[in-house]
Amino acid sequence: MLSLIPGSSTIREEFVAVKTEKENGAARIWRHFYRHKPAVAGLAFIFILVCAAVFAPLLAPYNPNKIGDEFETAPGMVHLLGTDQIGRDVFSRLIFGARVSVTVGIGTVSVTTFLGILLGLESGYFGGIIDMIIMRVADIFMAFPMLILIMVVSAVIGPGLDRIILIMGILGWPSVARLVRGNVLSIKQMDYTKSAVALGFKTQRILILHILPNTIGPILVQATFGIAGAIILESGLSFLGMGVNPPTASWGNMLTDAQSLTTLTEKPWLWVPPGITILLSVLAFNFVGDALRDALDPKSSH
């Protein structure tokens, strides 16, 4: 039927051209990403981390909260990474700690990204008094040290995984909102956006179908860095006793018991595994973010 319509061959050629351009764009992004070897290694580590979080009950050899009768034993065949001060298996707690970190990272970034996109789109597109109010509120949020503000709020409402995610998500939206706003200010001056307005499209349609898709790249890059930051913040809060409630295994509260000089010098299995895991996780997400930023840059020359 399409062949009977005048000009159908031209329509078909344009459709094929657009499809080919998208495929070539995806191939280009992957090619540039793949050239970033640390990012590929980081992506592999993230995959392992997510698998450990999802399948923690199957991978952990022991119940992470079970108190045993072998206290502070060194790594061996029975306990691969030894036991802590009350006989809990360190390796099992390390695996279950991945579940907490992945949940906090993804949950926090989900809340932050949702609020940032919503407020950033509104601020950049409508401008005027709406833009001024949203940006001034963002300035107020960014004027306070993030860690101290989270500690204060956490101390008031109490620690807990869901509360930590909510607090960090709500307090972290200004950076995403500013990023989205900057892109919207540029995109709304484009011809296709002005054409959509001239054709009488609804504002919601313009924002969701014409503007938002063109800001996904920077948002995705920001999200990867946000996950790394959320993991560090959660670990720090748990280390200070304001994060995940014990006895729930968290990399941060695993480090809490390693504050004494004796533990640091004579029992490294209590603090080295969670410390290295936090380091590798943050590096992995940062490497992936760096590679995505370069790969999604249309002016990238490598």
Protein backbone atom coordinates (compact mmCIF):
# COMPACT_ATOMS: atom_id res chain seq x y z
CA MET A 1 0.00 0.00 0.00
CA LEU A 2 2.86 2.33 0.83
CA SER A 3 4.19 1.98 -2.74
CA LEU A 4 0.91 3.37 -4.12
CA ILE A 5 1.18 6.60 -2.16
CA PRO A 6 2.87 9.46 -4.04
CA GLY A 7 6.29 10.14 -2.65
CA SER A 8 6.29 6.89 -0.66
CA SER A 9 9.76 5.99 -1.87
CA THR A 10 11.09 9.25 -0.44
CA ILE A 11 9.37 8.59 2.89
CA ARG A 12 10.81 5.09 2.97
CA GLU A 13 14.30 6.39 2.18
CA GLU A 14 14.07 9.00 4.94
CA PHE A 15 12.89 6.37 7.43
CA VAL A 16 15.78 4.09 6.50
CA ALA A 17 18.21 7.01 6.76
CA VAL A 18 16.98 7.94 10.24
CA LYS A 19 17.14 4.30 11.37
CA THR A 20 20.64 3.90 9.98
CA GLU A 21 21.75 7.13 11.66
CA LYS A 22 20.47 5.88 15.04
CA GLU A 23 22.21 2.54 14.59
CA ASN A 24 25.43 4.27 13.57
CA GLY A 25 25.11 6.56 16.59
CA ALA A 26 24.70 3.61 18.95
CA ALA A 27 27.66 1.87 17.34
CA ARG A 28 29.76 5.02 17.68
CA ILE A 29 28.88 5.39 21.35
CA TRP A 30 29.74 1.77 22.08
CA ARG A 31 32.98 2.00 20.07
CA HIS A 32 34.15 5.05 22.00
CA PHE A 33 33.06 3.51 25.28
CA TYR A 34 34.87 0.24 24.52
CA ARG A 35 38.11 2.12 23.89
CA HIS A 36 38.03 3.27 27.51
CA LYS A 37 39.49 0.12 29.05
CA PRO A 38 39.08 1.19 32.71
CA ALA A 39 35.38 1.82 31.98
CA VAL A 40 34.97 -1.66 30.48
CA ALA A 41 36.61 -3.15 33.57
CA GLY A 42 34.39 -0.95 35.73
CA LEU A 43 31.29 -2.12 33.88
CA ALA A 44 32.32 -5.73 34.48
CA PHE A 45 32.83 -5.00 38.18
CA ILE A 46 29.42 -3.31 38.39
CA PHE A 47 27.85 -6.39 36.80
CA ILE A 48 29.51 -8.60 39.43
CA LEU A 49 28.41 -6.19 42.17
CA VAL A 50 24.78 -6.24 41.03
CA CYS A 51 24.81 -10.05 40.75
CA ALA A 52 26.21 -10.28 44.28
CA ALA A 53 23.47 -7.96 45.54
CA VAL A 54 20.67 -9.86 43.80
CA PHE A 55 21.89 -13.36 44.61
CA ALA A 56 23.38 -12.61 48.04
CA PRO A 57 21.39 -15.34 49.87
CA LEU A 58 22.70 -17.91 47.38
CA LEU A 59 26.31 -16.72 47.31
CA ALA A 60 26.89 -16.08 51.01
CA PRO A 61 28.15 -19.22 52.78
CA TYR A 62 26.73 -18.14 56.14
CA ASN A 63 23.98 -16.03 57.60
CA PRO A 64 25.60 -12.57 57.80
CA ASN A 65 24.00 -11.84 61.18
CA LYS A 66 24.62 -15.22 62.80
CA ILE A 67 26.86 -14.96 65.85
CA GLY A 68 29.40 -17.78 66.00
CA ASP A 69 31.81 -19.09 68.60
CA GLU A 70 34.97 -18.25 66.64
CA PHE A 71 35.82 -14.66 67.39
CA GLU A 72 38.15 -12.60 65.18
CA THR A 73 39.59 -15.64 63.44
CA ALA A 74 41.96 -15.02 60.55
CA PRO A 75 40.96 -15.91 56.98
CA GLY A 76 41.03 -19.63 56.25
CA MET A 77 39.21 -22.46 54.52
CA VAL A 78 36.21 -22.33 56.85
CA HIS A 79 35.85 -18.54 56.79
CA LEU A 80 37.40 -17.11 53.62
CA LEU A 81 37.78 -13.60 55.04
CA GLY A 82 37.75 -14.52 58.71
CA THR A 83 35.23 -13.51 61.35
CA ASP A 84 34.53 -10.30 63.23
CA GLN A 85 34.48 -9.52 66.96
CA ILE A 86 31.30 -11.52 67.61
CA GLY A 87 31.98 -14.40 65.24
CA ARG A 88 30.08 -13.29 62.15
CA ASP A 89 31.47 -14.33 58.77
CA VAL A 90 33.13 -11.31 57.11
CA PHE A 91 32.75 -12.65 53.56
CA SER A 92 29.01 -13.17 53.99
CA ARG A 93 28.58 -9.69 55.43
CA LEU A 94 30.61 -8.25 52.56
CA ILE A 95 28.26 -9.84 50.01
CA PHE A 96 25.13 -8.65 51.80
CA GLY A 97 26.72 -5.22 52.14
CA ALA A 98 26.72 -5.03 48.34
CA ARG A 99 22.93 -5.29 48.45
CA VAL A 100 22.75 -2.25 50.72
CA SER A 101 25.16 -0.19 48.62
CA VAL A 102 23.47 -1.03 45.31
CA THR A 103 20.04 -0.30 46.79
CA VAL A 104 21.17 3.02 48.24
CA GLY A 105 22.96 4.02 45.04
CA ILE A 106 20.11 3.21 42.66
CA GLY A 107 17.38 4.39 45.03
CA THR A 108 19.06 7.70 45.78
CA VAL A 109 19.81 8.44 42.14
CA SER A 110 16.23 7.53 41.17
CA VAL A 111 14.80 10.07 43.62
CA THR A 112 17.42 12.69 42.76
CA THR A 113 16.99 12.25 39.00
CA PHE A 114 13.18 12.36 39.16
CA LEU A 115 13.12 15.57 41.19
CA GLY A 116 15.96 17.10 39.19
CA ILE A 117 14.33 16.39 35.83
CA LEU A 118 10.93 17.62 36.98
CA LEU A 119 12.19 20.87 38.48
CA GLY A 120 14.86 21.42 35.82
CA LEU A 121 12.36 21.11 32.97
CA GLU A 122 9.93 23.48 34.64
CA SER A 123 12.65 25.99 35.49
CA GLY A 124 14.32 26.03 32.08
CA TYR A 125 11.21 25.97 29.93
CA PHE A 126 8.93 28.45 31.70
CA GLY A 127 11.61 30.79 33.06
CA GLY A 128 10.55 33.97 34.84
CA ILE A 129 9.38 33.74 38.43
CA ILE A 130 9.23 29.93 38.34
CA ASP A 131 12.87 29.75 37.26
CA MET A 132 13.92 32.24 39.92
CA ILE A 133 12.13 30.41 42.76
CA ILE A 134 13.43 26.96 41.81
CA MET A 135 17.01 28.16 41.34
CA ARG A 136 17.03 30.11 44.59
CA VAL A 137 15.79 27.03 46.45
CA ALA A 138 18.55 25.04 44.73
CA ASP A 139 21.10 27.63 45.86
CA ILE A 140 19.90 27.27 49.45
CA PHE A 141 20.24 23.47 49.28
CA MET A 142 23.73 23.73 47.79
CA ALA A 143 24.87 26.30 50.36
CA PHE A 144 24.93 23.70 53.13
CA PRO A 145 27.61 20.98 53.38
CA MET A 146 25.82 17.86 52.13
CA LEU A 147 27.27 15.38 54.63
CA ILE A 148 26.58 17.60 57.65
CA LEU A 149 23.03 18.33 56.50
CA ILE A 150 22.33 14.63 55.95
CA MET A 151 23.76 13.83 59.38
CA VAL A 152 21.51 16.41 61.03
CA VAL A 153 18.37 15.21 59.26
CA SER A 154 19.28 11.56 59.90
CA ALA A 155 19.81 12.30 63.59
CA VAL A 156 16.37 13.94 63.79
CA ILE A 157 14.30 11.28 61.99
CA GLY A 158 16.52 8.31 62.84
CA PRO A 159 18.69 5.96 60.78
CA GLY A 160 17.38 3.35 58.36
CA LEU A 161 17.90 2.26 54.76
CA ASP A 162 14.68 3.74 53.38
CA ARG A 163 15.18 6.99 55.27
CA ILE A 164 18.76 7.34 54.08
CA ILE A 165 17.66 6.89 50.47
CA LEU A 166 14.89 9.46 50.87
CA ILE A 167 17.10 12.02 52.63
CA MET A 168 19.97 11.72 50.17
CA GLY A 169 17.59 11.76 47.22
CA ILE A 170 15.73 14.88 48.31
CA LEU A 171 18.88 16.78 49.23
CA GLY A 172 20.74 15.87 46.05
CA TRP A 173 18.38 17.17 43.34
CA PRO A 174 19.89 20.66 42.75
CA SER A 175 22.85 19.40 40.70
CA VAL A 176 20.58 17.44 38.35
CA ALA A 177 18.09 20.31 38.12
CA ARG A 178 20.82 22.77 37.15
CA LEU A 179 22.12 20.37 34.51
CA VAL A 180 18.67 19.83 33.02
CA ARG A 181 17.83 23.54 33.15
CA GLY A 182 20.98 24.44 31.24
CA ASN A 183 20.15 21.96 28.49
CA VAL A 184 16.53 23.08 28.30
CA LEU A 185 17.53 26.74 27.90
CA SER A 186 19.52 25.72 24.84
CA ILE A 187 17.08 23.18 23.38
CA LYS A 188 14.00 25.39 23.59
CA GLN A 189 15.69 27.80 21.16
CA MET A 190 16.06 25.07 18.54
CA ASP A 191 13.92 25.15 15.41
CA TYR A 192 12.15 21.85 16.12
CA THR A 193 11.06 23.10 19.55
CA LYS A 194 9.78 26.38 18.12
CA SER A 195 7.98 24.42 15.40
CA ALA A 196 6.28 22.24 18.00
CA VAL A 197 5.10 25.36 19.84
CA ALA A 198 3.86 26.93 16.59
CA LEU A 199 1.89 23.78 15.76
CA GLY A 200 0.07 24.10 19.07
CA PHE A 201 1.46 21.00 20.81
CA LYS A 202 0.74 20.76 24.51
CA THR A 203 3.51 21.81 26.85
CA GLN A 204 3.72 18.33 28.40
CA ARG A 205 4.21 16.79 24.96
CA ILE A 206 6.94 19.26 24.06
CA LEU A 207 8.77 18.68 27.33
CA ILE A 208 8.51 14.88 27.30
CA LEU A 209 8.83 14.07 23.59
CA HIS A 210 10.99 16.89 22.22
CA ILE A 211 13.14 18.28 25.03
CA LEU A 212 13.67 15.48 27.56
CA PRO A 213 15.09 12.90 25.08
CA ASN A 214 17.82 15.38 24.14
CA THR A 215 18.94 15.73 27.77
CA ILE A 216 19.12 11.99 28.54
CA GLY A 217 22.84 11.76 27.77
CA PRO A 218 24.04 14.30 30.37
CA ILE A 219 21.51 12.96 32.90
CA LEU A 220 22.82 9.42 32.44
CA VAL A 221 26.39 10.57 32.99
CA GLN A 222 25.35 12.52 36.09
CA ALA A 223 23.51 9.44 37.41
CA THR A 224 26.63 7.26 37.28
CA PHE A 225 28.59 9.81 39.30
CA GLY A 226 25.60 10.14 41.63
CA ILE A 227 25.61 6.42 42.41
CA ALA A 228 29.30 6.59 43.32
CA GLY A 229 28.65 9.58 45.57
CA ALA A 230 25.68 7.85 47.22
CA ILE A 231 27.79 4.79 48.03
CA ILE A 232 30.42 6.98 49.70
CA LEU A 233 27.82 8.95 51.66
CA GLU A 234 26.01 5.84 52.86
CA SER A 235 29.29 4.25 53.91
CA GLY A 236 30.28 7.37 55.79
CA LEU A 237 26.93 7.64 57.55
CA SER A 238 26.95 3.96 58.51
CA PHE A 239 30.51 4.32 59.77
CA LEU A 240 29.33 7.16 62.02
CA GLY A 241 26.32 5.14 63.20
CA MET A 242 23.75 7.26 61.34
CA GLY A 243 23.17 5.02 58.35
CA VAL A 244 21.94 1.46 58.15
CA ASN A 245 20.81 0.02 61.46
CA PRO A 246 22.91 -2.86 62.86
CA PRO A 247 23.00 -5.81 62.62
CA THR A 248 22.20 -5.26 58.91
CA ALA A 249 25.44 -5.72 57.00
CA SER A 250 26.80 -2.55 55.40
CA TRP A 251 30.29 -1.77 54.21
CA GLY A 252 30.23 1.36 56.32
CA ASN A 253 29.27 -0.28 59.61
CA MET A 254 31.76 -3.08 58.90
CA LEU A 255 34.43 -0.39 59.10
CA THR A 256 33.02 0.96 62.37
CA ASP A 257 34.58 -1.86 64.37
CA ALA A 258 38.00 -1.21 62.84
CA GLN A 259 38.71 2.05 64.64
CA SER A 260 41.09 0.70 67.25
CA LEU A 261 44.84 0.65 66.59
CA THR A 262 44.98 -3.05 67.42
CA THR A 263 42.41 -3.88 64.76
CA LEU A 264 44.09 -1.68 62.16
CA THR A 265 47.53 -3.23 62.70
CA GLU A 266 46.82 -6.82 63.68
CA LYS A 267 43.42 -7.69 62.15
CA PRO A 268 43.33 -6.24 58.63
CA TRP A 269 40.68 -8.72 57.46
CA LEU A 270 38.12 -6.73 59.43
CA TRP A 271 38.61 -3.48 57.49
CA VAL A 272 40.58 -4.15 54.30
CA PRO A 273 37.81 -6.10 52.41
CA PRO A 274 35.03 -3.49 52.90
CA GLY A 275 37.49 -0.64 52.32
CA ILE A 276 38.76 -2.09 49.05
CA THR A 277 35.22 -2.93 47.93
CA ILE A 278 34.07 0.66 48.50
CA LEU A 279 37.12 1.94 46.61
CA LEU A 280 36.58 -0.38 43.64
CA SER A 281 32.84 0.35 43.47
CA VAL A 282 33.34 4.10 43.42
CA LEU A 283 36.13 3.86 40.85
CA ALA A 284 34.00 1.57 38.66
CA PHE A 285 31.07 4.01 38.51
CA ASN A 286 33.38 6.98 37.99
CA PHE A 287 35.19 5.24 35.13
CA VAL A 288 31.88 4.37 33.49
CA GLY A 289 30.70 7.95 33.92
CA ASP A 290 33.87 9.34 32.35
CA ALA A 291 33.58 6.98 29.38
CA LEU A 292 29.89 7.76 28.87
CA ARG A 293 30.60 11.49 28.95
CA ASP A 294 33.22 11.10 26.21
CA ALA A 295 31.17 8.63 24.16
CA LEU A 296 28.01 10.75 24.23
CA ASP A 297 29.89 13.90 23.23
CA PRO A 298 29.22 14.43 19.50
CA LYS A 299 32.43 16.49 19.26
CA SER A 300 34.50 13.60 20.62
CA SER A 301 37.51 13.08 18.40
CA HIS A 302 38.82 9.78 19.74
